[in-house]
Amino acid sequence: MTANTAKPHSISKDLVLRATRGLISHLSKASSTTNKSLLDEEGVTDYVMASFQLQKIPAQGSPKPIRIEVPHRVMTGESADDDTFEVCLIVKDESKAWVKALIESTPSISYVTKVLTLSKLRSDYSTFQQRRELLASYDFFLADDRILPMIGSKLGKNFFQAKKQPIAVKLTRKESLPLTISKALESTYLFISTGPCLTVKCGRAGVLSEKKLVENVLAVVENCVKKIPGKWGNIREIGIRCGQSATVPVYARTTAQLRDIEGLGKSSVSGVGVVETNLEVEEKIAKKKEVEKKKSKSPLLNALKKKKEEKQEEILEEEKSENRKAKRAKKQPEERPPVKEKKVTKKRKGSVEKEVEEEEEVEKVSPKKKTKKAAVEEKKAEKKAEKKVEKKVKAVVKEVSEDLDESFISKKKFTGRKPGFVFKKGKKGLGYYKDEIPKVDSAFLEQLQRQAGGGRRGGGGRKGGRKGRR
């Protein structure tokens, strides 16, 4: 047995090599049957791209591209060392003059053939057809990082579908502009979107060799995983595709899926070295599943399975019954010889008779004790019943007396106005008392009137006296 020295998260170099061979052959067949200009217009390019299937979709997308370093330059012309490709640089209106002069004076960045201002982009490329022509005219687009957020809405969705959205470049330092442009073209870029799939360019299939493409793919996978949210824990599958072709898987999340991919990769390689596409692989897996379903549905196989299960159940039941019998045999005591009855002597008989008499006496005493307890309990119950009856009688008497007494109605709270009654708390308690008109004493009233009349006379005399004195 040999220990497995493979890393827990890594992709097989052999699988990547087979996948690139298959994609190159697929692209050569497609380019021979279809016009290249039509492919470019539809966004189908000859770039080999690494595709990352995510387990969880990112919560927030980022329109700003993330720079990924690769060993071999992704943006090339017809050959690896050819700089015949064309680049468009979008700048601010005031920066166009010095940028254009600098590009003309430095031959190392002569591939920048167009310097486009933001105002010209808005005025000259406003229609859909004009934007498509701009997309097809240049291989790569760069933009000043200060105006990058304002450019996306002016270019349209075709730029994003073809992965040609402008790359940010710093134009604050004039001396470093050639170096920043060359670095931007030597690298590839990762765009994090709010979808389950991310794609990154790895190189042109017809320009870079198989070895260089494989090295670029391995570098892209290694560097992109560090930038993806969740890293390896969020990656479900990694594949390689070319333009709009099917994706060839080279990595899976589980070891079982990875073994299936490796097995299919080995079996699908022919003498020319062509790898089957993802659709063909899926068809093979579907056929295997159908065969397994048919086998499970056949009546002969089901009958044989049932017989086997029944036999196994019978064997298990027999073993259980034998175990039970063995346990019972252990629990049962050994048979002992019968014990001989002892002869009862006269002394023994006398003692037995005494014991019987004592038991009878106890039985006689015990009922008396029981009757005494029962009598006490009965008396307690009778007293309780009498108290309950007394309470009920008192309540009834109270109600009757209240009914007879028309001058007072007992109530705990005010229940409304009653004619001829007043609600208050008096001698009989809280309730409604009869409203009686007070009797007036005529003699007392006459006395009060006399007193009031005498007072008036005295007051008048005083006033007159005071006047006379003055």
Protein backbone atom coordinates (compact mmCIF):
# COMPACT_ATOMS: atom_id res chain seq x y z
CA MET A 1 0.00 0.00 0.00
CA THR A 2 1.37 3.41 -0.98
CA ALA A 3 0.37 6.64 0.74
CA ASN A 4 -1.50 9.27 -1.28
CA THR A 5 0.81 12.28 -1.57
CA ALA A 6 -1.64 14.52 -3.52
CA LYS A 7 -2.72 17.83 -2.05
CA PRO A 8 -6.28 18.11 -0.68
CA HIS A 9 -7.05 20.95 -3.17
CA SER A 10 -5.20 20.75 -6.48
CA ILE A 11 -5.92 20.10 -10.16
CA SER A 12 -4.25 17.42 -12.25
CA LYS A 13 -1.76 18.70 -14.84
CA ASP A 14 -2.52 15.71 -17.11
CA LEU A 15 -6.25 16.50 -17.09
CA VAL A 16 -5.55 20.13 -18.00
CA LEU A 17 -3.29 19.04 -20.87
CA ARG A 18 -5.95 16.67 -22.25
CA ALA A 19 -8.63 19.34 -21.91
CA THR A 20 -6.55 21.96 -23.79
CA ARG A 21 -5.85 19.48 -26.61
CA GLY A 22 -9.54 18.73 -26.97
CA LEU A 23 -10.49 22.40 -26.95
CA ILE A 24 -7.84 23.32 -29.56
CA SER A 25 -9.11 20.60 -31.90
CA HIS A 26 -12.72 21.66 -31.29
CA LEU A 27 -11.83 25.29 -32.05
CA SER A 28 -9.99 24.38 -35.24
CA LYS A 29 -13.05 22.46 -36.50
CA ALA A 30 -15.39 25.34 -35.58
CA SER A 31 -13.17 27.97 -37.26
CA SER A 32 -12.98 25.90 -40.45
CA THR A 33 -16.78 25.69 -40.72
CA THR A 34 -17.59 29.26 -39.55
CA ASN A 35 -16.27 32.62 -40.68
CA LYS A 36 -13.85 34.16 -38.15
CA SER A 37 -15.37 37.67 -38.43
CA LEU A 38 -18.79 36.33 -37.45
CA LEU A 39 -17.29 34.60 -34.42
CA ASP A 40 -15.63 37.84 -33.30
CA GLU A 41 -18.87 39.81 -33.71
CA GLU A 42 -20.80 37.30 -31.58
CA GLY A 43 -18.14 37.42 -28.84
CA VAL A 44 -16.88 33.88 -29.52
CA THR A 45 -13.08 34.16 -29.37
CA ASP A 46 -10.15 31.73 -29.47
CA TYR A 47 -9.23 32.44 -25.85
CA VAL A 48 -8.96 29.47 -23.49
CA MET A 49 -10.80 30.39 -20.27
CA ALA A 50 -10.86 28.85 -16.80
CA SER A 51 -14.39 28.52 -15.41
CA PHE A 52 -15.10 28.43 -11.65
CA GLN A 53 -18.45 27.02 -10.48
CA LEU A 54 -19.22 28.42 -7.01
CA GLN A 55 -21.03 26.74 -4.14
CA LYS A 56 -22.50 30.06 -2.88
CA ILE A 57 -23.19 33.14 -5.00
CA PRO A 58 -21.24 36.26 -3.85
CA ALA A 59 -23.37 38.73 -1.90
CA GLN A 60 -21.93 41.74 -3.74
CA GLY A 61 -20.37 41.92 -7.20
CA SER A 62 -17.44 44.17 -8.09
CA PRO A 63 -17.18 45.88 -11.50
CA LYS A 64 -13.51 46.63 -10.80
CA PRO A 65 -11.27 43.93 -12.36
CA ILE A 66 -8.79 42.03 -10.14
CA ARG A 67 -5.31 41.64 -11.65
CA ILE A 68 -4.03 38.02 -11.94
CA GLU A 69 -0.38 37.41 -12.82
CA VAL A 70 0.47 34.67 -15.36
CA PRO A 71 3.86 33.40 -16.64
CA HIS A 72 3.01 34.06 -20.33
CA ARG A 73 1.32 37.13 -21.78
CA VAL A 74 -2.39 36.64 -22.48
CA MET A 75 -2.82 39.56 -24.92
CA THR A 76 -0.85 38.75 -28.10
CA GLY A 77 -1.08 39.14 -31.85
CA GLU A 78 -0.89 36.34 -34.38
CA SER A 79 2.21 34.96 -32.57
CA ALA A 80 3.50 34.97 -28.98
CA ASP A 81 5.98 37.83 -29.63
CA ASP A 82 3.73 39.76 -32.03
CA ASP A 83 2.46 43.19 -30.92
CA THR A 84 0.20 43.82 -33.90
CA PHE A 85 -2.92 43.87 -31.76
CA GLU A 86 -4.71 47.19 -31.24
CA VAL A 87 -5.53 48.85 -27.91
CA CYS A 88 -7.97 51.70 -27.21
CA LEU A 89 -7.25 54.01 -24.26
CA ILE A 90 -10.14 56.07 -22.83
CA VAL A 91 -9.04 59.23 -20.95
CA LYS A 92 -10.35 62.54 -19.64
CA ASP A 93 -10.70 65.42 -22.11
CA GLU A 94 -7.81 67.44 -20.63
CA SER A 95 -5.42 64.42 -20.64
CA LYS A 96 -5.70 63.54 -24.36
CA ALA A 97 -2.96 65.90 -25.64
CA TRP A 98 -0.07 64.77 -23.44
CA VAL A 99 -1.11 61.07 -23.55
CA LYS A 100 -1.14 61.06 -27.35
CA ALA A 101 2.27 62.82 -27.49
CA LEU A 102 3.77 60.31 -25.03
CA ILE A 103 2.49 57.28 -27.01
CA GLU A 104 3.92 58.65 -30.26
CA SER A 105 7.31 59.22 -28.63
CA THR A 106 7.57 55.70 -27.06
CA PRO A 107 7.64 52.83 -29.62
CA SER A 108 7.25 50.11 -26.91
CA ILE A 109 3.55 51.00 -26.58
CA SER A 110 2.86 51.62 -30.25
CA TYR A 111 -0.02 49.10 -30.09
CA VAL A 112 -2.15 51.84 -28.41
CA THR A 113 -3.68 53.08 -31.66
CA LYS A 114 -6.64 55.04 -30.31
CA VAL A 115 -6.94 57.66 -27.52
CA LEU A 116 -10.65 58.26 -26.93
CA THR A 117 -12.05 60.93 -24.64
CA LEU A 118 -15.13 60.48 -22.44
CA SER A 119 -17.08 63.24 -24.24
CA LYS A 120 -16.39 61.60 -27.66
CA LEU A 121 -17.52 58.22 -26.29
CA ARG A 122 -20.82 59.77 -25.23
CA SER A 123 -21.45 61.65 -28.49
CA ASP A 124 -20.00 59.39 -31.25
CA TYR A 125 -20.94 55.97 -29.81
CA SER A 126 -24.49 56.47 -28.53
CA THR A 127 -26.26 53.81 -30.66
CA PHE A 128 -26.08 50.04 -30.33
CA GLN A 129 -24.54 49.56 -33.81
CA GLN A 130 -21.78 52.11 -33.13
CA ARG A 131 -20.85 50.34 -29.89
CA ARG A 132 -20.64 46.96 -31.67
CA GLU A 133 -18.30 48.46 -34.25
CA LEU A 134 -16.12 49.90 -31.48
CA LEU A 135 -16.00 46.47 -29.78
CA ALA A 136 -14.91 44.73 -33.00
CA SER A 137 -12.31 47.42 -33.92
CA TYR A 138 -9.95 46.89 -30.94
CA ASP A 139 -8.58 43.86 -29.10
CA PHE A 140 -8.15 45.46 -25.69
CA PHE A 141 -9.53 48.50 -23.85
CA LEU A 142 -7.84 50.58 -21.14
CA ALA A 143 -9.31 53.50 -19.18
CA ASP A 144 -8.25 56.13 -16.69
CA ASP A 145 -9.15 54.84 -13.20
CA ARG A 146 -10.72 58.24 -12.34
CA ILE A 147 -13.45 57.89 -15.00
CA LEU A 148 -13.91 54.10 -14.96
CA PRO A 149 -17.24 54.16 -13.00
CA MET A 150 -18.75 56.49 -15.66
CA ILE A 151 -17.82 54.31 -18.66
CA GLY A 152 -19.77 51.07 -17.96
CA SER A 153 -23.21 52.46 -18.82
CA LYS A 154 -21.88 54.07 -22.04
CA LEU A 155 -20.38 50.85 -23.48
CA GLY A 156 -23.31 48.44 -23.10
CA LYS A 157 -23.68 44.75 -22.26
CA ASN A 158 -21.75 43.42 -25.30
CA PHE A 159 -18.42 44.55 -23.81
CA PHE A 160 -19.14 42.62 -20.60
CA GLN A 161 -20.31 39.50 -22.44
CA ALA A 162 -17.10 39.45 -24.52
CA LYS A 163 -14.98 40.14 -21.37
CA LYS A 164 -13.62 43.31 -23.02
CA GLN A 165 -14.61 45.86 -20.39
CA PRO A 166 -11.88 48.49 -19.89
CA ILE A 167 -9.03 47.84 -17.43
CA ALA A 168 -8.18 50.62 -15.00
CA VAL A 169 -4.83 52.41 -15.52
CA LYS A 170 -3.34 55.20 -13.38
CA LEU A 171 -2.46 58.32 -15.42
CA THR A 172 -1.35 60.55 -12.55
CA ARG A 173 2.37 59.92 -13.25
CA LYS A 174 3.41 60.55 -16.86
CA GLU A 175 6.77 58.75 -16.58
CA SER A 176 5.20 55.43 -15.46
CA LEU A 177 2.50 55.28 -18.14
CA PRO A 178 4.37 52.93 -20.58
CA LEU A 179 5.19 50.51 -17.73
CA THR A 180 1.61 50.47 -16.40
CA ILE A 181 0.19 49.78 -19.89
CA SER A 182 2.63 46.89 -20.53
CA LYS A 183 1.87 45.35 -17.08
CA ALA A 184 -1.86 45.60 -17.75
CA LEU A 185 -1.47 43.68 -21.04
CA GLU A 186 0.84 41.01 -19.57
CA SER A 187 -1.71 40.02 -16.89
CA THR A 188 -5.22 38.57 -16.97
CA TYR A 189 -8.20 39.75 -14.92
CA LEU A 190 -10.89 38.28 -12.66
CA PHE A 191 -14.36 39.90 -12.60
CA ILE A 192 -16.44 38.95 -9.55
CA SER A 193 -20.14 39.00 -10.50
CA THR A 194 -23.33 38.07 -8.63
CA GLY A 195 -23.64 34.74 -10.43
CA PRO A 196 -22.66 31.11 -9.80
CA CYS A 197 -19.91 31.06 -12.48
CA LEU A 198 -16.70 33.11 -12.91
CA THR A 199 -14.48 32.96 -16.01
CA VAL A 200 -10.88 34.15 -16.54
CA LYS A 201 -8.87 34.33 -19.78
CA CYS A 202 -5.74 32.12 -19.85
CA GLY A 203 -4.40 32.68 -23.38
CA ARG A 204 -5.08 32.32 -27.09
CA ALA A 205 -5.39 28.73 -28.32
CA GLY A 206 -3.85 29.36 -31.74
CA VAL A 207 -0.94 31.48 -30.48
CA LEU A 208 0.42 29.93 -27.25
CA SER A 209 1.64 26.35 -27.22
CA GLU A 210 -0.07 23.59 -25.20
CA LYS A 211 2.63 23.74 -22.54
CA LYS A 212 2.33 27.53 -22.09
CA LEU A 213 -1.48 27.33 -21.96
CA VAL A 214 -1.31 24.63 -19.25
CA GLU A 215 1.12 26.75 -17.21
CA ASN A 216 -1.17 29.76 -17.54
CA VAL A 217 -4.24 27.71 -16.51
CA LEU A 218 -2.47 26.35 -13.41
CA ALA A 219 -1.30 29.87 -12.45
CA VAL A 220 -4.79 31.30 -12.98
CA VAL A 221 -6.38 28.63 -10.75
CA GLU A 222 -3.78 29.09 -8.01
CA ASN A 223 -4.05 32.92 -7.95
CA CYS A 224 -7.82 33.22 -8.56
CA VAL A 225 -8.79 30.91 -5.68
CA LYS A 226 -7.09 33.34 -3.27
CA LYS A 227 -9.26 36.22 -4.57
CA ILE A 228 -12.63 34.39 -4.74
CA PRO A 229 -14.83 34.83 -1.60
CA GLY A 230 -14.64 31.61 0.48
CA LYS A 231 -11.57 30.36 -1.45
CA TRP A 232 -11.47 26.54 -1.88
CA GLY A 233 -14.45 26.07 0.43
CA ASN A 234 -16.71 27.96 -2.03
CA ILE A 235 -15.53 26.20 -5.23
CA ARG A 236 -17.71 23.34 -6.44
CA GLU A 237 -16.09 22.65 -9.83
CA ILE A 238 -13.33 24.00 -12.09
CA GLY A 239 -13.42 23.55 -15.84
CA ILE A 240 -11.83 24.83 -19.07
CA ARG A 241 -13.69 26.13 -22.09
CA CYS A 242 -13.05 28.11 -25.25
CA GLY A 243 -15.55 30.84 -26.17
CA GLN A 244 -19.06 29.37 -26.15
CA SER A 245 -17.94 25.71 -26.16
CA ALA A 246 -18.90 23.15 -23.52
CA THR A 247 -16.87 23.18 -20.29
CA VAL A 248 -14.44 20.29 -19.71
CA PRO A 249 -14.16 19.65 -15.92
CA VAL A 250 -10.69 19.30 -14.35
CA TYR A 251 -11.57 19.60 -10.64
CA ALA A 252 -14.55 18.59 -8.48
CA ARG A 253 -15.42 19.28 -4.85
CA THR A 254 -15.69 15.63 -3.70
CA THR A 255 -13.09 12.90 -4.22
CA ALA A 256 -15.69 10.58 -5.81
CA GLN A 257 -16.52 13.16 -8.51
CA LEU A 258 -12.82 13.79 -9.10
CA ARG A 259 -12.20 10.06 -9.66
CA ASP A 260 -15.07 9.95 -12.16
CA ILE A 261 -13.58 12.92 -14.04
CA GLU A 262 -10.11 11.34 -14.10
CA GLY A 263 -11.53 8.00 -15.34
CA LEU A 264 -13.54 9.66 -18.10
CA GLY A 265 -10.51 11.72 -19.09
CA LYS A 266 -8.33 8.60 -19.47
CA SER A 267 -10.93 6.61 -21.38
CA SER A 268 -11.83 9.48 -23.74
CA VAL A 269 -8.30 10.14 -25.04
CA SER A 270 -7.83 8.75 -28.55
CA GLY A 271 -4.73 8.37 -30.70
CA VAL A 272 -4.97 11.99 -31.83
CA GLY A 273 -5.45 13.16 -28.23
CA VAL A 274 -8.97 14.57 -28.37
CA VAL A 275 -10.97 14.89 -25.12
CA GLU A 276 -14.72 14.36 -25.07
CA THR A 277 -16.86 17.41 -24.35
CA ASN A 278 -18.89 17.89 -21.20
CA LEU A 279 -22.14 17.06 -23.02
CA GLU A 280 -20.84 13.65 -24.14
CA VAL A 281 -19.71 12.90 -20.60
CA GLU A 282 -23.16 13.77 -19.25
CA GLU A 283 -24.81 11.52 -21.87
CA LYS A 284 -22.64 8.57 -20.78
CA ILE A 285 -23.55 9.09 -17.11
CA ALA A 286 -27.26 9.31 -18.00
CA LYS A 287 -27.07 6.05 -19.98
CA LYS A 288 -25.43 4.26 -17.05
CA LYS A 289 -28.20 5.46 -14.73
CA GLU A 290 -30.90 4.21 -17.15
CA VAL A 291 -29.27 0.75 -17.31
CA GLU A 292 -29.17 0.57 -13.51
CA LYS A 293 -32.86 1.54 -13.31
CA LYS A 294 -33.85 -1.16 -15.84
CA LYS A 295 -31.95 -3.81 -13.88
CA SER A 296 -33.68 -2.82 -10.66
CA LYS A 297 -37.12 -2.97 -12.35
CA SER A 298 -36.76 -6.54 -13.82
CA PRO A 299 -39.14 -9.02 -12.04
CA LEU A 300 -36.59 -11.88 -11.93
CA LEU A 301 -34.04 -9.83 -10.02
CA ASN A 302 -36.71 -8.60 -7.60
CA ALA A 303 -37.91 -12.18 -6.97
CA LEU A 304 -34.36 -13.39 -6.30
CA LYS A 305 -33.76 -10.51 -3.92
CA LYS A 306 -36.95 -11.34 -2.02
CA LYS A 307 -35.95 -15.00 -1.67
CA LYS A 308 -32.54 -14.09 -0.34
CA GLU A 309 -34.08 -11.72 2.17
CA GLU A 310 -36.58 -14.37 3.34
CA LYS A 311 -33.81 -16.94 3.83
CA GLN A 312 -31.75 -14.51 5.83
CA GLU A 313 -34.75 -13.70 8.03
CA GLU A 314 -35.41 -17.41 8.68
CA ILE A 315 -31.79 -17.98 9.70
CA LEU A 316 -31.91 -15.02 12.08
CA GLU A 317 -35.16 -16.25 13.68
CA GLU A 318 -33.69 -19.74 14.23
CA GLU A 319 -30.61 -18.27 15.88
CA LYS A 320 -32.78 -16.11 18.14
CA SER A 321 -34.95 -19.06 19.22
CA GLU A 322 -31.86 -21.15 20.06
CA ASN A 323 -30.45 -18.32 22.15
CA ARG A 324 -33.74 -18.01 24.03
CA LYS A 325 -33.83 -21.73 24.82
CA ALA A 326 -30.26 -21.62 26.13
CA LYS A 327 -31.09 -18.65 28.38
CA ARG A 328 -34.19 -20.41 29.78
CA ALA A 329 -32.20 -23.57 30.52
CA LYS A 330 -29.69 -21.52 32.49
CA LYS A 331 -32.41 -19.74 34.48
CA GLN A 332 -34.35 -22.92 35.46
CA PRO A 333 -33.11 -24.43 38.82
CA GLU A 334 -32.07 -28.06 39.10
CA GLU A 335 -34.76 -30.56 40.18
CA ARG A 336 -34.52 -31.31 43.87
CA PRO A 337 -35.83 -34.46 45.63
CA PRO A 338 -39.20 -34.02 47.40
CA VAL A 339 -39.00 -32.99 51.05
CA LYS A 340 -40.53 -35.48 53.50
CA GLU A 341 -43.29 -34.12 55.74
CA LYS A 342 -42.34 -33.98 59.37
CA LYS A 343 -44.55 -35.68 61.88
CA VAL A 344 -46.37 -33.23 64.12
CA THR A 345 -45.93 -34.12 67.78
CA LYS A 346 -48.36 -33.36 70.62
CA LYS A 347 -46.27 -30.42 71.84
CA ARG A 348 -46.19 -28.98 68.37
CA LYS A 349 -49.96 -29.35 68.08
CA GLY A 350 -50.48 -27.35 71.28
CA SER A 351 -48.30 -24.50 70.11
CA VAL A 352 -50.19 -24.34 66.81
CA GLU A 353 -53.53 -24.13 68.58
CA LYS A 354 -52.26 -21.23 70.72
CA GLU A 355 -51.13 -19.30 67.65
CA VAL A 356 -54.55 -19.71 66.04
CA GLU A 357 -56.30 -18.41 69.17
CA GLU A 358 -54.03 -15.33 69.30
CA GLU A 359 -54.79 -14.54 65.67
CA GLU A 360 -58.54 -14.75 66.36
CA GLU A 361 -58.22 -12.33 69.29
CA VAL A 362 -56.31 -9.86 67.12
CA GLU A 363 -59.04 -10.10 64.51
CA LYS A 364 -61.64 -9.38 67.18
CA VAL A 365 -59.76 -6.31 68.46
CA SER A 366 -58.97 -4.83 65.08
CA PRO A 367 -62.60 -4.32 63.97
CA LYS A 368 -63.27 -2.32 67.16
CA LYS A 369 -60.37 -0.03 66.39
CA LYS A 370 -61.63 0.34 62.88
CA THR A 371 -65.17 1.23 64.10
CA LYS A 372 -63.82 3.92 66.48
CA LYS A 373 -61.93 5.65 63.64
CA ALA A 374 -64.94 5.46 61.40
CA ALA A 375 -67.14 6.99 64.11
CA VAL A 376 -64.73 9.93 64.59
CA GLU A 377 -64.66 10.56 60.86
CA GLU A 378 -68.46 10.40 60.65
CA LYS A 379 -68.79 12.96 63.47
CA LYS A 380 -66.41 15.32 61.69
CA ALA A 381 -68.37 14.96 58.47
CA GLU A 382 -71.68 15.62 60.28
CA LYS A 383 -70.28 18.80 61.88
CA LYS A 384 -69.10 20.07 58.50
CA ALA A 385 -72.51 19.39 56.99
CA GLU A 386 -74.26 21.19 59.85
CA LYS A 387 -72.02 24.25 59.42
CA LYS A 388 -72.79 24.35 55.67
CA VAL A 389 -76.55 24.16 56.41
CA GLU A 390 -76.29 26.97 59.00
CA LYS A 391 -74.48 29.18 56.49
CA LYS A 392 -77.13 28.57 53.86
CA VAL A 393 -79.94 29.29 56.36
CA LYS A 394 -78.30 32.56 57.44
CA ALA A 395 -77.92 33.65 53.82
CA VAL A 396 -81.58 32.87 53.10
CA VAL A 397 -82.73 34.72 56.26
CA LYS A 398 -80.64 37.71 55.28
CA GLU A 399 -82.16 37.80 51.82
CA VAL A 400 -85.69 37.49 53.21
CA SER A 401 -85.08 40.24 55.76
CA GLU A 402 -83.75 42.50 53.04
CA ASP A 403 -86.80 41.81 50.94
CA LEU A 404 -89.08 42.61 53.88
CA ASP A 405 -87.18 45.75 54.74
CA GLU A 406 -88.27 48.12 52.00
CA SER A 407 -86.12 50.98 53.30
CA PHE A 408 -82.75 49.31 52.50
CA ILE A 409 -81.33 47.17 49.67
CA SER A 410 -77.83 45.74 50.27
CA LYS A 411 -75.43 46.14 47.36
CA LYS A 412 -71.62 45.93 47.17
CA LYS A 413 -71.40 48.57 44.44
CA PHE A 414 -73.52 51.09 42.55
CA THR A 415 -75.64 49.30 39.92
CA GLY A 416 -77.60 52.28 38.64
CA ARG A 417 -80.21 54.84 39.65
CA LYS A 418 -83.30 53.62 41.52
CA PRO A 419 -86.27 55.98 42.00
CA GLY A 420 -86.95 56.80 45.65
CA PHE A 421 -83.57 55.45 46.88
CA VAL A 422 -80.12 56.89 47.61
CA PHE A 423 -76.87 54.83 47.31
CA LYS A 424 -74.68 55.38 50.42
CA LYS A 425 -73.02 53.70 53.37
CA GLY A 426 -75.16 53.87 56.49
CA LYS A 427 -75.93 51.92 59.66
CA LYS A 428 -76.96 48.78 57.78
CA GLY A 429 -73.92 48.88 55.48
CA LEU A 430 -73.38 49.81 51.85
CA GLY A 431 -76.46 49.86 49.64
CA TYR A 432 -79.62 51.73 48.62
CA TYR A 433 -81.46 53.58 51.40
CA LYS A 434 -85.00 54.96 51.05
CA ASP A 435 -84.98 58.69 50.37
CA GLU A 436 -87.15 60.15 53.20
CA ILE A 437 -88.18 63.85 53.20
CA PRO A 438 -87.09 65.44 56.52
CA LYS A 439 -89.89 66.72 58.85
CA VAL A 440 -89.71 70.45 59.62
CA ASP A 441 -90.30 71.68 63.24
CA SER A 442 -92.59 74.73 62.98
CA ALA A 443 -91.76 76.05 66.47
CA PHE A 444 -88.05 76.01 65.68
CA LEU A 445 -88.67 77.91 62.45
CA GLU A 446 -90.67 80.64 64.26
CA GLN A 447 -87.86 81.06 66.75
CA LEU A 448 -85.34 81.53 63.94
CA GLN A 449 -87.55 84.13 62.26
CA ARG A 450 -87.86 86.14 65.49
CA GLN A 451 -84.12 86.15 65.93
CA ALA A 452 -83.62 87.34 62.38
CA GLY A 453 -86.15 90.21 62.77
CA GLY A 454 -84.62 91.54 66.04
CA GLY A 455 -81.19 91.70 64.49
CA ARG A 456 -82.39 93.96 61.68
CA ARG A 457 -83.91 96.51 64.14
CA GLY A 458 -80.73 96.78 66.14
CA GLY A 459 -78.69 97.35 63.01
CA GLY A 460 -80.88 100.29 61.89
CA GLY A 461 -80.63 102.04 65.29
CA ARG A 462 -76.88 101.84 65.24
CA LYS A 463 -76.68 103.43 61.83
CA GLY A 464 -78.84 106.31 62.98
CA GLY A 465 -76.82 106.80 66.11
CA ARG A 466 -73.63 107.01 64.10
CA LYS A 467 -75.15 109.64 61.89
CA GLY A 468 -76.21 111.73 64.87
CA ARG A 469 -72.79 111.65 66.35
CA ARG A 470 -71.24 112.97 63.16
